Every structure is written in C-alpha cells, then in structure tokens.
Amino acid sequence: MAKASDLPTLVRASVDGDEEAWNELVRRHAHLVMAVTRQYRIPPADAQDISQTVWLRLVEHLADIREPAAISGWIITTTKHECLRLLRSGGRTVPVDPLNGRVLDQSAADDVDGGLLDAERHQALRDGLAELAPQQRELLVLLAADPPAPYAEISRRLGIPIGSIGPTRSRILEKLRATNAIRTYLEATREAAANGGGRHALAELE
C-alpha cells in the first residue's frame, strides 16, 4: 500500500486499483465533502448521496488529474456542483451567478466561501506537513499548539538545543512552503486572485 504521507504515490496506487490506498485517499479528504454539504445545508441523507457521487466521479477522473496536490480543490468544486444540482432538482430557489455558479446571496456566499477556503487551506497544510520529515512535522505542530509547547519541553522531546529551535523553525517553514501541496495551493490562490477571485487569500505560513 502507498504511504499515507505520500499523496502522489497514494494517487498512483489508487489508479492501479489498490483498495487500501483508495480508502486512505477517501479518509483524508472526506471532511472536505462534508464541509461543503454543511455549508449548503444539505440534509444528511442527501449529503451521503452527494458524497457517493463525488467519490464515483473521482474514481472516473483520478487518472486524469495531473497534479495530485490539486485533488482537494477538485473535490470541493465537484461537491459544490453536486449540491447546486440537488438544490435545483428539488425545486429550491438558489440564486446563482450564471457565469461561475456561485451563490449570489452575499451572506450565504460568505458563509460558504469562507468555510470552504478554510477547509481547503487546512487540507493543503495537512498535505504539506505530510511531506516533511516526522521530526520537522512534530516541531511545527508543537509550536502551533494553543498554547504553544514551551521551548524547554520541545528541546527535551525532540532532542535539539533550545537556541536552535527558532532557526530550525524558520528552515522548516521554508521547506513547508516548498512542498508540492503548498506550492500548488499558493499557485491556485494567485491564479484565482488574478482572475478576479480576490476572496482567495494567500496562506500566511509564518
């Protein structure tokens, strides 16, 4: 089975019919589907149907996705389309921009877009962290905890001098920015901003 931390390998294995790899791929991204259906206030039973449809479509198109790190965005977009299709077929009036399919009600749009952007950004960070070495990942997780772990505890747990924690953190953040997942996310947000989608803010990995 492909390693869970290696998304490209996980995708290739899924394309080749590795059932465990596929199950892991679904497990890692299932929360994105649920986040979208909740934002559109889809009833639980219908949300399950939408989820099954999204995974079926992903199976059909997985081999065509050239950049594995773009899967999160693909899942979110596909789920949004399925939610809108369900709402229209059910006779519910949903004001949508005919050019891009976005909900026109501003308060609803803010709720939907804000929640999805958070989910997409968090998924990109999870995928990026998965590309780091375990000790590098653990250091960032300890520093990002609320409240952050004391430097003395981090030094003890990771076996690095206290004075090295700050510089090490900076080097690891640079590696995180250079991961495939984060680079893909940042490129997508820049492209969205260039196309007028200013609501896509760049991730602040500081």
N, C-alpha and C. Protein backbone atom coordinates (compact mmCIF):
# COMPACT_ATOMS: atom_id res chain seq x y z
N MET A 1 0.84 -1.21 0.00
CA MET A 1 0.00 0.00 0.00
C MET A 1 0.87 1.24 0.00
N ALA A 2 0.43 2.30 -0.64
CA ALA A 2 1.17 3.56 -0.66
C ALA A 2 1.21 4.17 0.72
N LYS A 3 2.29 4.86 1.04
CA LYS A 3 2.38 5.55 2.31
C LYS A 3 1.37 6.69 2.36
N ALA A 4 0.73 6.84 3.53
CA ALA A 4 -0.30 7.87 3.66
C ALA A 4 0.28 9.27 3.50
N SER A 5 1.60 9.42 3.80
CA SER A 5 2.21 10.74 3.72
C SER A 5 2.63 11.11 2.31
N ASP A 6 2.53 10.19 1.38
CA ASP A 6 2.98 10.43 0.01
C ASP A 6 1.78 10.48 -0.91
N LEU A 7 1.21 11.67 -1.09
CA LEU A 7 -0.03 11.81 -1.86
C LEU A 7 0.12 11.34 -3.31
N PRO A 8 1.20 11.73 -4.03
CA PRO A 8 1.33 11.24 -5.41
C PRO A 8 1.35 9.71 -5.49
N THR A 9 2.09 9.08 -4.56
CA THR A 9 2.14 7.62 -4.54
C THR A 9 0.78 7.04 -4.22
N LEU A 10 0.08 7.69 -3.30
CA LEU A 10 -1.26 7.25 -2.91
C LEU A 10 -2.21 7.31 -4.10
N VAL A 11 -2.12 8.37 -4.88
CA VAL A 11 -2.97 8.52 -6.06
C VAL A 11 -2.64 7.46 -7.10
N ARG A 12 -1.34 7.27 -7.36
CA ARG A 12 -0.94 6.27 -8.36
C ARG A 12 -1.41 4.88 -7.97
N ALA A 13 -1.27 4.56 -6.67
CA ALA A 13 -1.70 3.25 -6.20
C ALA A 13 -3.21 3.09 -6.35
N SER A 14 -3.95 4.16 -6.08
CA SER A 14 -5.41 4.11 -6.23
C SER A 14 -5.80 3.90 -7.69
N VAL A 15 -5.11 4.58 -8.59
CA VAL A 15 -5.37 4.41 -10.02
C VAL A 15 -5.10 2.97 -10.43
N ASP A 16 -4.09 2.36 -9.81
CA ASP A 16 -3.73 0.98 -10.14
C ASP A 16 -4.62 -0.05 -9.46
N GLY A 17 -5.61 0.43 -8.70
CA GLY A 17 -6.57 -0.49 -8.10
C GLY A 17 -6.26 -0.92 -6.69
N ASP A 18 -5.34 -0.23 -6.01
CA ASP A 18 -5.02 -0.56 -4.63
C ASP A 18 -6.16 -0.07 -3.73
N GLU A 19 -6.94 -1.02 -3.20
CA GLU A 19 -8.12 -0.66 -2.42
C GLU A 19 -7.76 0.07 -1.13
N GLU A 20 -6.67 -0.36 -0.47
CA GLU A 20 -6.27 0.31 0.77
C GLU A 20 -5.84 1.74 0.49
N ALA A 21 -5.14 1.94 -0.61
CA ALA A 21 -4.71 3.29 -0.96
C ALA A 21 -5.93 4.17 -1.24
N TRP A 22 -6.91 3.62 -1.95
CA TRP A 22 -8.12 4.38 -2.24
C TRP A 22 -8.86 4.74 -0.96
N ASN A 23 -8.99 3.78 -0.04
CA ASN A 23 -9.67 4.04 1.22
C ASN A 23 -8.96 5.14 2.01
N GLU A 24 -7.63 5.14 1.97
CA GLU A 24 -6.87 6.18 2.66
C GLU A 24 -7.08 7.54 2.00
N LEU A 25 -7.15 7.54 0.67
CA LEU A 25 -7.37 8.78 -0.07
C LEU A 25 -8.72 9.38 0.31
N VAL A 26 -9.74 8.53 0.38
CA VAL A 26 -11.08 8.98 0.77
C VAL A 26 -11.08 9.47 2.22
N ARG A 27 -10.43 8.72 3.10
CA ARG A 27 -10.41 9.10 4.51
C ARG A 27 -9.77 10.48 4.71
N ARG A 28 -8.72 10.76 3.97
CA ARG A 28 -8.01 12.01 4.13
C ARG A 28 -8.80 13.21 3.60
N HIS A 29 -9.73 12.97 2.67
CA HIS A 29 -10.42 14.10 2.04
C HIS A 29 -11.93 14.12 2.30
N ALA A 30 -12.43 13.14 3.04
CA ALA A 30 -13.88 13.07 3.26
C ALA A 30 -14.43 14.31 3.95
N HIS A 31 -13.61 14.92 4.84
CA HIS A 31 -14.11 16.09 5.57
C HIS A 31 -14.39 17.27 4.63
N LEU A 32 -13.72 17.32 3.48
CA LEU A 32 -13.98 18.40 2.53
C LEU A 32 -15.39 18.29 1.95
N VAL A 33 -15.79 17.08 1.62
CA VAL A 33 -17.14 16.86 1.09
C VAL A 33 -18.18 17.25 2.13
N MET A 34 -17.97 16.82 3.37
CA MET A 34 -18.92 17.12 4.43
C MET A 34 -18.97 18.63 4.70
N ALA A 35 -17.82 19.29 4.61
CA ALA A 35 -17.79 20.74 4.84
C ALA A 35 -18.63 21.47 3.81
N VAL A 36 -18.55 21.05 2.56
CA VAL A 36 -19.33 21.70 1.50
C VAL A 36 -20.82 21.45 1.71
N THR A 37 -21.20 20.21 1.96
CA THR A 37 -22.63 19.91 2.12
C THR A 37 -23.21 20.62 3.34
N ARG A 38 -22.42 20.79 4.39
CA ARG A 38 -22.92 21.53 5.56
C ARG A 38 -23.12 23.00 5.21
N GLN A 39 -22.21 23.57 4.46
CA GLN A 39 -22.33 24.98 4.10
C GLN A 39 -23.57 25.23 3.23
N TYR A 40 -23.93 24.26 2.41
CA TYR A 40 -25.13 24.39 1.57
C TYR A 40 -26.38 23.87 2.27
N ARG A 41 -26.22 23.48 3.55
CA ARG A 41 -27.34 23.00 4.37
C ARG A 41 -28.06 21.82 3.71
N ILE A 42 -27.29 20.90 3.20
CA ILE A 42 -27.84 19.69 2.59
C ILE A 42 -28.22 18.70 3.69
N PRO A 43 -29.43 18.13 3.67
CA PRO A 43 -29.82 17.15 4.68
C PRO A 43 -28.86 15.96 4.69
N PRO A 44 -28.66 15.31 5.86
CA PRO A 44 -27.69 14.22 5.98
C PRO A 44 -27.86 13.11 4.94
N ALA A 45 -29.09 12.67 4.70
CA ALA A 45 -29.30 11.59 3.74
C ALA A 45 -28.85 12.00 2.34
N ASP A 46 -29.20 13.23 1.94
CA ASP A 46 -28.78 13.72 0.63
C ASP A 46 -27.27 13.95 0.59
N ALA A 47 -26.70 14.36 1.73
CA ALA A 47 -25.26 14.58 1.79
C ALA A 47 -24.51 13.27 1.53
N GLN A 48 -25.04 12.17 2.05
CA GLN A 48 -24.42 10.87 1.80
C GLN A 48 -24.47 10.51 0.32
N ASP A 49 -25.60 10.81 -0.32
CA ASP A 49 -25.73 10.54 -1.75
C ASP A 49 -24.73 11.39 -2.54
N ILE A 50 -24.61 12.64 -2.16
CA ILE A 50 -23.66 13.53 -2.84
C ILE A 50 -22.24 13.01 -2.65
N SER A 51 -21.94 12.58 -1.43
CA SER A 51 -20.61 12.05 -1.14
C SER A 51 -20.28 10.87 -2.05
N GLN A 52 -21.24 9.94 -2.18
CA GLN A 52 -21.01 8.77 -3.04
C GLN A 52 -20.79 9.20 -4.49
N THR A 53 -21.56 10.19 -4.93
CA THR A 53 -21.41 10.68 -6.31
C THR A 53 -20.04 11.30 -6.53
N VAL A 54 -19.58 12.09 -5.55
CA VAL A 54 -18.27 12.73 -5.67
C VAL A 54 -17.16 11.69 -5.77
N TRP A 55 -17.22 10.67 -4.92
CA TRP A 55 -16.17 9.64 -4.96
C TRP A 55 -16.23 8.86 -6.26
N LEU A 56 -17.45 8.62 -6.77
CA LEU A 56 -17.58 7.93 -8.04
C LEU A 56 -16.95 8.75 -9.16
N ARG A 57 -17.20 10.04 -9.14
CA ARG A 57 -16.61 10.91 -10.17
C ARG A 57 -15.09 10.99 -10.03
N LEU A 58 -14.62 10.95 -8.79
CA LEU A 58 -13.17 10.97 -8.58
C LEU A 58 -12.53 9.69 -9.13
N VAL A 59 -13.19 8.57 -8.92
CA VAL A 59 -12.68 7.31 -9.48
C VAL A 59 -12.57 7.43 -11.00
N GLU A 60 -13.59 8.03 -11.60
CA GLU A 60 -13.62 8.15 -13.06
C GLU A 60 -12.53 9.08 -13.59
N HIS A 61 -12.17 10.10 -12.79
CA HIS A 61 -11.25 11.14 -13.29
C HIS A 61 -9.89 11.14 -12.61
N LEU A 62 -9.67 10.22 -11.67
CA LEU A 62 -8.44 10.25 -10.89
C LEU A 62 -7.19 10.18 -11.77
N ALA A 63 -7.25 9.35 -12.78
CA ALA A 63 -6.09 9.19 -13.66
C ALA A 63 -5.83 10.43 -14.51
N ASP A 64 -6.84 11.30 -14.62
CA ASP A 64 -6.70 12.50 -15.46
C ASP A 64 -6.19 13.71 -14.66
N ILE A 65 -6.16 13.60 -13.33
CA ILE A 65 -5.69 14.71 -12.51
C ILE A 65 -4.17 14.72 -12.54
N ARG A 66 -3.61 15.71 -13.22
CA ARG A 66 -2.16 15.75 -13.44
C ARG A 66 -1.38 16.10 -12.19
N GLU A 67 -1.98 16.87 -11.30
CA GLU A 67 -1.28 17.31 -10.09
C GLU A 67 -2.02 16.78 -8.86
N PRO A 68 -1.50 15.73 -8.22
CA PRO A 68 -2.20 15.14 -7.06
C PRO A 68 -2.55 16.15 -5.98
N ALA A 69 -1.70 17.15 -5.76
CA ALA A 69 -1.99 18.13 -4.71
C ALA A 69 -3.22 18.97 -5.03
N ALA A 70 -3.71 18.91 -6.28
CA ALA A 70 -4.89 19.68 -6.67
C ALA A 70 -6.19 18.92 -6.37
N ILE A 71 -6.08 17.72 -5.83
CA ILE A 71 -7.27 16.91 -5.57
C ILE A 71 -8.23 17.60 -4.62
N SER A 72 -7.71 18.27 -3.60
CA SER A 72 -8.58 18.95 -2.63
C SER A 72 -9.50 19.94 -3.33
N GLY A 73 -8.93 20.77 -4.18
CA GLY A 73 -9.74 21.75 -4.92
C GLY A 73 -10.73 21.08 -5.84
N TRP A 74 -10.32 19.98 -6.47
CA TRP A 74 -11.21 19.25 -7.37
C TRP A 74 -12.40 18.71 -6.60
N ILE A 75 -12.16 18.14 -5.43
CA ILE A 75 -13.24 17.58 -4.61
C ILE A 75 -14.20 18.67 -4.17
N ILE A 76 -13.68 19.81 -3.73
CA ILE A 76 -14.53 20.91 -3.28
C ILE A 76 -15.41 21.41 -4.43
N THR A 77 -14.79 21.63 -5.59
CA THR A 77 -15.54 22.14 -6.75
C THR A 77 -16.62 21.16 -7.18
N THR A 78 -16.27 19.88 -7.25
CA THR A 78 -17.23 18.85 -7.67
C THR A 78 -18.38 18.75 -6.68
N THR A 79 -18.08 18.82 -5.39
CA THR A 79 -19.13 18.74 -4.37
C THR A 79 -20.06 19.95 -4.46
N LYS A 80 -19.50 21.14 -4.68
CA LYS A 80 -20.33 22.34 -4.84
C LYS A 80 -21.30 22.17 -6.01
N HIS A 81 -20.79 21.65 -7.13
CA HIS A 81 -21.65 21.45 -8.30
C HIS A 81 -22.77 20.46 -7.98
N GLU A 82 -22.44 19.39 -7.26
CA GLU A 82 -23.45 18.39 -6.91
C GLU A 82 -24.49 18.98 -5.95
N CYS A 83 -24.06 19.81 -5.02
CA CYS A 83 -25.01 20.45 -4.10
C CYS A 83 -25.97 21.35 -4.86
N LEU A 84 -25.44 22.16 -5.76
CA LEU A 84 -26.28 23.06 -6.54
C LEU A 84 -27.24 22.27 -7.43
N ARG A 85 -26.75 21.18 -8.01
CA ARG A 85 -27.61 20.35 -8.86
C ARG A 85 -28.76 19.78 -8.04
N LEU A 86 -28.47 19.30 -6.83
CA LEU A 86 -29.51 18.75 -5.96
C LEU A 86 -30.52 19.82 -5.58
N LEU A 87 -30.05 21.00 -5.21
CA LEU A 87 -30.95 22.06 -4.80
C LEU A 87 -31.86 22.49 -5.94
N ARG A 88 -31.32 22.56 -7.14
CA ARG A 88 -32.15 22.93 -8.30
C ARG A 88 -33.17 21.85 -8.62
N SER A 89 -32.74 20.59 -8.58
CA SER A 89 -33.65 19.49 -8.92
C SER A 89 -34.76 19.34 -7.90
N GLY A 90 -34.50 19.80 -6.65
CA GLY A 90 -35.50 19.70 -5.60
C GLY A 90 -36.48 20.86 -5.60
N GLY A 91 -36.33 21.76 -6.57
CA GLY A 91 -37.25 22.88 -6.67
C GLY A 91 -36.95 24.03 -5.74
N ARG A 92 -35.83 23.96 -5.03
CA ARG A 92 -35.47 25.05 -4.14
C ARG A 92 -34.80 26.15 -4.96
N THR A 93 -35.21 27.37 -4.70
CA THR A 93 -34.64 28.50 -5.43
C THR A 93 -33.29 28.87 -4.85
N VAL A 94 -32.27 28.79 -5.69
CA VAL A 94 -30.92 29.14 -5.27
C VAL A 94 -30.37 30.17 -6.23
N PRO A 95 -30.26 31.45 -5.83
CA PRO A 95 -29.72 32.47 -6.72
C PRO A 95 -28.24 32.21 -7.00
N VAL A 96 -27.93 31.97 -8.29
CA VAL A 96 -26.57 31.60 -8.67
C VAL A 96 -26.09 32.48 -9.81
N ASP A 97 -24.84 32.90 -9.75
CA ASP A 97 -24.24 33.65 -10.85
C ASP A 97 -24.10 32.72 -12.04
N PRO A 98 -24.74 33.02 -13.18
CA PRO A 98 -24.70 32.11 -14.32
C PRO A 98 -23.32 31.96 -14.93
N LEU A 99 -22.40 32.86 -14.62
CA LEU A 99 -21.06 32.79 -15.21
C LEU A 99 -20.13 31.86 -14.45
N ASN A 100 -20.33 31.78 -13.13
CA ASN A 100 -19.39 30.95 -12.37
C ASN A 100 -20.05 29.99 -11.39
N GLY A 101 -21.37 29.99 -11.31
CA GLY A 101 -22.07 29.04 -10.45
C GLY A 101 -22.05 29.38 -8.97
N ARG A 102 -21.61 30.58 -8.61
CA ARG A 102 -21.56 30.96 -7.20
C ARG A 102 -22.93 31.42 -6.70
N VAL A 103 -23.19 31.11 -5.43
CA VAL A 103 -24.42 31.57 -4.81
C VAL A 103 -24.37 33.09 -4.72
N LEU A 104 -25.49 33.75 -5.11
CA LEU A 104 -25.49 35.20 -5.18
C LEU A 104 -25.83 35.87 -3.86
N ASP A 105 -26.60 35.20 -3.01
CA ASP A 105 -26.92 35.80 -1.72
C ASP A 105 -25.62 36.02 -0.96
N GLN A 106 -25.30 37.27 -0.64
CA GLN A 106 -23.97 37.57 -0.13
C GLN A 106 -23.70 36.92 1.22
N SER A 107 -24.69 36.94 2.11
CA SER A 107 -24.43 36.35 3.43
C SER A 107 -24.19 34.86 3.29
N ALA A 108 -24.99 34.19 2.44
CA ALA A 108 -24.79 32.75 2.22
C ALA A 108 -23.48 32.51 1.52
N ALA A 109 -23.15 33.36 0.57
CA ALA A 109 -21.89 33.19 -0.17
C ALA A 109 -20.70 33.34 0.77
N ASP A 110 -20.76 34.31 1.67
CA ASP A 110 -19.65 34.50 2.60
C ASP A 110 -19.48 33.28 3.48
N ASP A 111 -20.62 32.73 3.97
CA ASP A 111 -20.55 31.54 4.82
C ASP A 111 -19.94 30.37 4.06
N VAL A 112 -20.43 30.15 2.85
CA VAL A 112 -19.97 29.01 2.05
C VAL A 112 -18.50 29.17 1.69
N ASP A 113 -18.17 30.32 1.08
CA ASP A 113 -16.81 30.51 0.61
C ASP A 113 -15.81 30.53 1.77
N GLY A 114 -16.18 31.19 2.87
CA GLY A 114 -15.26 31.24 3.99
C GLY A 114 -14.98 29.87 4.56
N GLY A 115 -16.02 29.07 4.72
CA GLY A 115 -15.83 27.73 5.26
C GLY A 115 -15.02 26.85 4.32
N LEU A 116 -15.28 26.97 3.03
CA LEU A 116 -14.57 26.13 2.07
C LEU A 116 -13.11 26.55 1.94
N LEU A 117 -12.87 27.85 1.98
CA LEU A 117 -11.48 28.31 1.92
C LEU A 117 -10.69 27.80 3.12
N ASP A 118 -11.33 27.85 4.30
CA ASP A 118 -10.66 27.33 5.49
C ASP A 118 -10.36 25.85 5.32
N ALA A 119 -11.35 25.10 4.84
CA ALA A 119 -11.16 23.66 4.67
C ALA A 119 -10.06 23.36 3.66
N GLU A 120 -10.06 24.13 2.55
CA GLU A 120 -9.06 23.91 1.51
C GLU A 120 -7.67 24.26 2.02
N ARG A 121 -7.56 25.37 2.76
CA ARG A 121 -6.27 25.79 3.29
C ARG A 121 -5.75 24.78 4.31
N HIS A 122 -6.64 24.31 5.18
CA HIS A 122 -6.22 23.33 6.18
C HIS A 122 -5.79 22.04 5.53
N GLN A 123 -6.50 21.62 4.47
CA GLN A 123 -6.10 20.40 3.78
C GLN A 123 -4.73 20.57 3.13
N ALA A 124 -4.49 21.74 2.54
CA ALA A 124 -3.18 22.00 1.92
C ALA A 124 -2.07 21.93 2.98
N LEU A 125 -2.35 22.50 4.16
CA LEU A 125 -1.35 22.46 5.23
C LEU A 125 -1.12 21.02 5.70
N ARG A 126 -2.19 20.25 5.82
CA ARG A 126 -2.04 18.85 6.24
C ARG A 126 -1.20 18.09 5.22
N ASP A 127 -1.50 18.29 3.93
CA ASP A 127 -0.75 17.60 2.89
C ASP A 127 0.70 18.06 2.86
N GLY A 128 0.92 19.37 3.07
CA GLY A 128 2.27 19.88 3.09
C GLY A 128 3.07 19.32 4.27
N LEU A 129 2.45 19.30 5.45
CA LEU A 129 3.11 18.74 6.62
C LEU A 129 3.44 17.27 6.42
N ALA A 130 2.58 16.55 5.71
CA ALA A 130 2.81 15.13 5.47
C ALA A 130 4.05 14.89 4.61
N GLU A 131 4.47 15.91 3.86
CA GLU A 131 5.66 15.78 3.02
C GLU A 131 6.95 16.02 3.80
N LEU A 132 6.84 16.55 5.01
CA LEU A 132 8.02 16.82 5.82
C LEU A 132 8.45 15.58 6.58
N ALA A 133 9.70 15.60 7.06
CA ALA A 133 10.18 14.52 7.91
C ALA A 133 9.42 14.55 9.23
N PRO A 134 9.24 13.39 9.88
CA PRO A 134 8.44 13.34 11.11
C PRO A 134 8.87 14.34 12.17
N GLN A 135 10.18 14.50 12.42
CA GLN A 135 10.63 15.43 13.46
C GLN A 135 10.34 16.87 13.07
N GLN A 136 10.47 17.19 11.78
CA GLN A 136 10.16 18.54 11.32
C GLN A 136 8.67 18.83 11.52
N ARG A 137 7.84 17.85 11.17
CA ARG A 137 6.40 18.00 11.32
C ARG A 137 6.04 18.18 12.80
N GLU A 138 6.66 17.39 13.67
CA GLU A 138 6.34 17.46 15.10
C GLU A 138 6.72 18.81 15.67
N LEU A 139 7.85 19.39 15.23
CA LEU A 139 8.27 20.69 15.74
C LEU A 139 7.23 21.76 15.39
N LEU A 140 6.75 21.77 14.15
CA LEU A 140 5.75 22.77 13.76
C LEU A 140 4.45 22.57 14.51
N VAL A 141 4.06 21.31 14.72
CA VAL A 141 2.81 21.03 15.44
C VAL A 141 2.92 21.51 16.89
N LEU A 142 4.07 21.28 17.52
CA LEU A 142 4.26 21.71 18.90
C LEU A 142 4.24 23.24 19.01
N LEU A 143 4.85 23.90 18.04
CA LEU A 143 4.89 25.37 18.07
C LEU A 143 3.54 25.98 17.73
N ALA A 144 2.71 25.24 16.97
CA ALA A 144 1.41 25.76 16.56
C ALA A 144 0.31 25.42 17.56
N ALA A 145 0.64 24.65 18.59
CA ALA A 145 -0.36 24.26 19.59
C ALA A 145 -0.87 25.51 20.32
N ASP A 146 -2.04 25.41 20.91
CA ASP A 146 -2.64 26.53 21.64
C ASP A 146 -2.88 26.11 23.09
N PRO A 147 -2.01 26.54 24.02
CA PRO A 147 -0.84 27.41 23.81
C PRO A 147 0.34 26.59 23.27
N PRO A 148 1.34 27.28 22.67
CA PRO A 148 2.50 26.57 22.14
C PRO A 148 3.24 25.85 23.25
N ALA A 149 3.84 24.72 22.90
CA ALA A 149 4.64 23.99 23.89
C ALA A 149 5.85 24.83 24.28
N PRO A 150 6.25 24.84 25.56
CA PRO A 150 7.44 25.59 25.98
C PRO A 150 8.68 25.08 25.25
N TYR A 151 9.61 26.00 24.99
CA TYR A 151 10.84 25.61 24.30
C TYR A 151 11.58 24.50 25.05
N ALA A 152 11.55 24.54 26.39
CA ALA A 152 12.25 23.52 27.17
C ALA A 152 11.66 22.13 26.89
N GLU A 153 10.32 22.06 26.79
CA GLU A 153 9.68 20.78 26.51
C GLU A 153 9.99 20.31 25.09
N ILE A 154 9.97 21.26 24.13
CA ILE A 154 10.29 20.91 22.74
C ILE A 154 11.72 20.39 22.66
N SER A 155 12.63 21.07 23.36
CA SER A 155 14.03 20.65 23.37
C SER A 155 14.16 19.23 23.90
N ARG A 156 13.45 18.95 25.00
CA ARG A 156 13.51 17.62 25.60
C ARG A 156 12.91 16.56 24.68
N ARG A 157 11.75 16.85 24.09
CA ARG A 157 11.06 15.85 23.27
C ARG A 157 11.76 15.56 21.97
N LEU A 158 12.35 16.61 21.37
CA LEU A 158 12.96 16.43 20.05
C LEU A 158 14.48 16.29 20.10
N GLY A 159 15.05 16.54 21.28
CA GLY A 159 16.49 16.38 21.42
C GLY A 159 17.30 17.43 20.68
N ILE A 160 16.80 18.67 20.63
CA ILE A 160 17.53 19.75 19.98
C ILE A 160 17.73 20.88 20.98
N PRO A 161 18.86 21.61 20.89
CA PRO A 161 19.11 22.71 21.84
C PRO A 161 18.04 23.78 21.73
N ILE A 162 17.74 24.42 22.87
CA ILE A 162 16.72 25.46 22.88
C ILE A 162 17.07 26.58 21.90
N GLY A 163 18.34 26.94 21.85
CA GLY A 163 18.76 28.02 20.96
C GLY A 163 18.61 27.70 19.49
N SER A 164 18.44 26.41 19.16
CA SER A 164 18.31 26.02 17.76
C SER A 164 16.85 25.97 17.30
N ILE A 165 15.92 26.07 18.24
CA ILE A 165 14.51 25.89 17.87
C ILE A 165 14.03 26.97 16.90
N GLY A 166 14.33 28.24 17.18
CA GLY A 166 13.89 29.33 16.31
C GLY A 166 14.44 29.20 14.90
N PRO A 167 15.79 29.08 14.75
CA PRO A 167 16.34 28.92 13.40
C PRO A 167 15.85 27.66 12.70
N THR A 168 15.67 26.58 13.46
CA THR A 168 15.18 25.34 12.86
C THR A 168 13.76 25.53 12.35
N ARG A 169 12.95 26.25 13.14
CA ARG A 169 11.57 26.53 12.72
C ARG A 169 11.56 27.28 11.40
N SER A 170 12.43 28.28 11.26
CA SER A 170 12.47 29.06 10.02
C SER A 170 12.84 28.19 8.83
N ARG A 171 13.82 27.32 9.03
CA ARG A 171 14.22 26.43 7.92
C ARG A 171 13.11 25.47 7.54
N ILE A 172 12.40 24.96 8.54
CA ILE A 172 11.31 24.01 8.26
C ILE A 172 10.16 24.70 7.55
N LEU A 173 9.87 25.95 7.95
CA LEU A 173 8.80 26.69 7.27
C LEU A 173 9.14 26.91 5.80
N GLU A 174 10.42 27.16 5.52
CA GLU A 174 10.83 27.30 4.12
C GLU A 174 10.61 25.99 3.37
N LYS A 175 10.91 24.87 4.03
CA LYS A 175 10.68 23.57 3.40
C LYS A 175 9.19 23.33 3.20
N LEU A 176 8.39 23.78 4.17
CA LEU A 176 6.94 23.61 4.05
C LEU A 176 6.41 24.40 2.86
N ARG A 177 6.88 25.64 2.71
CA ARG A 177 6.46 26.46 1.57
C ARG A 177 6.84 25.81 0.24
N ALA A 178 7.94 25.05 0.26
CA ALA A 178 8.44 24.45 -0.98
C ALA A 178 7.81 23.09 -1.27
N THR A 179 6.95 22.58 -0.36
CA THR A 179 6.32 21.28 -0.61
C THR A 179 5.37 21.38 -1.79
N ASN A 180 5.14 20.27 -2.41
CA ASN A 180 4.27 20.22 -3.58
C ASN A 180 2.87 20.71 -3.24
N ALA A 181 2.36 20.31 -2.08
CA ALA A 181 0.99 20.67 -1.69
C ALA A 181 0.85 22.18 -1.51
N ILE A 182 1.80 22.80 -0.82
CA ILE A 182 1.70 24.23 -0.55
C ILE A 182 1.94 25.04 -1.82
N ARG A 183 2.90 24.63 -2.63
CA ARG A 183 3.15 25.36 -3.87
C ARG A 183 1.92 25.32 -4.78
N THR A 184 1.27 24.17 -4.85
CA THR A 184 0.07 24.05 -5.68
C THR A 184 -1.04 24.94 -5.15
N TYR A 185 -1.21 24.97 -3.81
CA TYR A 185 -2.25 25.80 -3.21
C TYR A 185 -1.99 27.28 -3.47
N LEU A 186 -0.75 27.71 -3.28
CA LEU A 186 -0.42 29.12 -3.48
C LEU A 186 -0.57 29.53 -4.93
N GLU A 187 -0.19 28.64 -5.85
CA GLU A 187 -0.36 28.95 -7.26
C GLU A 187 -1.83 29.09 -7.62
N ALA A 188 -2.66 28.21 -7.02
CA ALA A 188 -4.10 28.28 -7.29
C ALA A 188 -4.71 29.57 -6.75
N THR A 189 -4.27 29.99 -5.56
CA THR A 189 -4.83 31.22 -4.99
C THR A 189 -4.37 32.44 -5.78
N ARG A 190 -3.14 32.43 -6.25
CA ARG A 190 -2.66 33.55 -7.07
C ARG A 190 -3.44 33.62 -8.38
N GLU A 191 -3.68 32.46 -8.97
CA GLU A 191 -4.43 32.43 -10.23
C GLU A 191 -5.85 32.93 -10.01
N ALA A 192 -6.46 32.51 -8.89
CA ALA A 192 -7.83 32.95 -8.60
C ALA A 192 -7.87 34.46 -8.40
N ALA A 193 -6.86 35.00 -7.69
CA ALA A 193 -6.81 36.44 -7.46
C ALA A 193 -6.62 37.19 -8.77
N ALA A 194 -5.78 36.65 -9.65
CA ALA A 194 -5.52 37.29 -10.94
C ALA A 194 -6.77 37.30 -11.82
N ASN A 195 -7.64 36.31 -11.60
CA ASN A 195 -8.86 36.21 -12.38
C ASN A 195 -10.04 36.91 -11.71
N GLY A 196 -9.73 37.70 -10.70
CA GLY A 196 -10.79 38.46 -10.03
C GLY A 196 -11.33 37.80 -8.80
N GLY A 197 -10.81 36.63 -8.42
CA GLY A 197 -11.28 35.96 -7.22
C GLY A 197 -10.51 36.39 -6.00
N GLY A 198 -10.58 37.65 -5.67
CA GLY A 198 -9.80 38.20 -4.59
C GLY A 198 -10.09 37.58 -3.24
N ARG A 199 -11.21 36.86 -3.12
CA ARG A 199 -11.54 36.26 -1.83
C ARG A 199 -10.57 35.16 -1.46
N HIS A 200 -9.77 34.69 -2.44
CA HIS A 200 -8.77 33.67 -2.14
C HIS A 200 -7.53 34.36 -1.60
N ALA A 201 -7.37 34.35 -0.30
CA ALA A 201 -6.20 34.96 0.32
C ALA A 201 -5.06 33.96 0.34
N LEU A 202 -3.83 34.46 0.16
CA LEU A 202 -2.67 33.58 0.24
C LEU A 202 -2.51 33.11 1.67
N ALA A 203 -2.07 31.86 1.80
CA ALA A 203 -1.82 31.33 3.14
C ALA A 203 -0.65 32.05 3.78
N GLU A 204 -0.79 32.37 5.05
CA GLU A 204 0.29 33.04 5.77
C GLU A 204 0.99 32.01 6.64
N LEU A 205 2.01 31.38 6.06
CA LEU A 205 2.71 30.32 6.76
C LEU A 205 3.85 30.91 7.57
N GLU A 206 3.51 31.67 8.58
CA GLU A 206 4.52 32.33 9.42
C GLU A 206 4.40 31.80 10.84
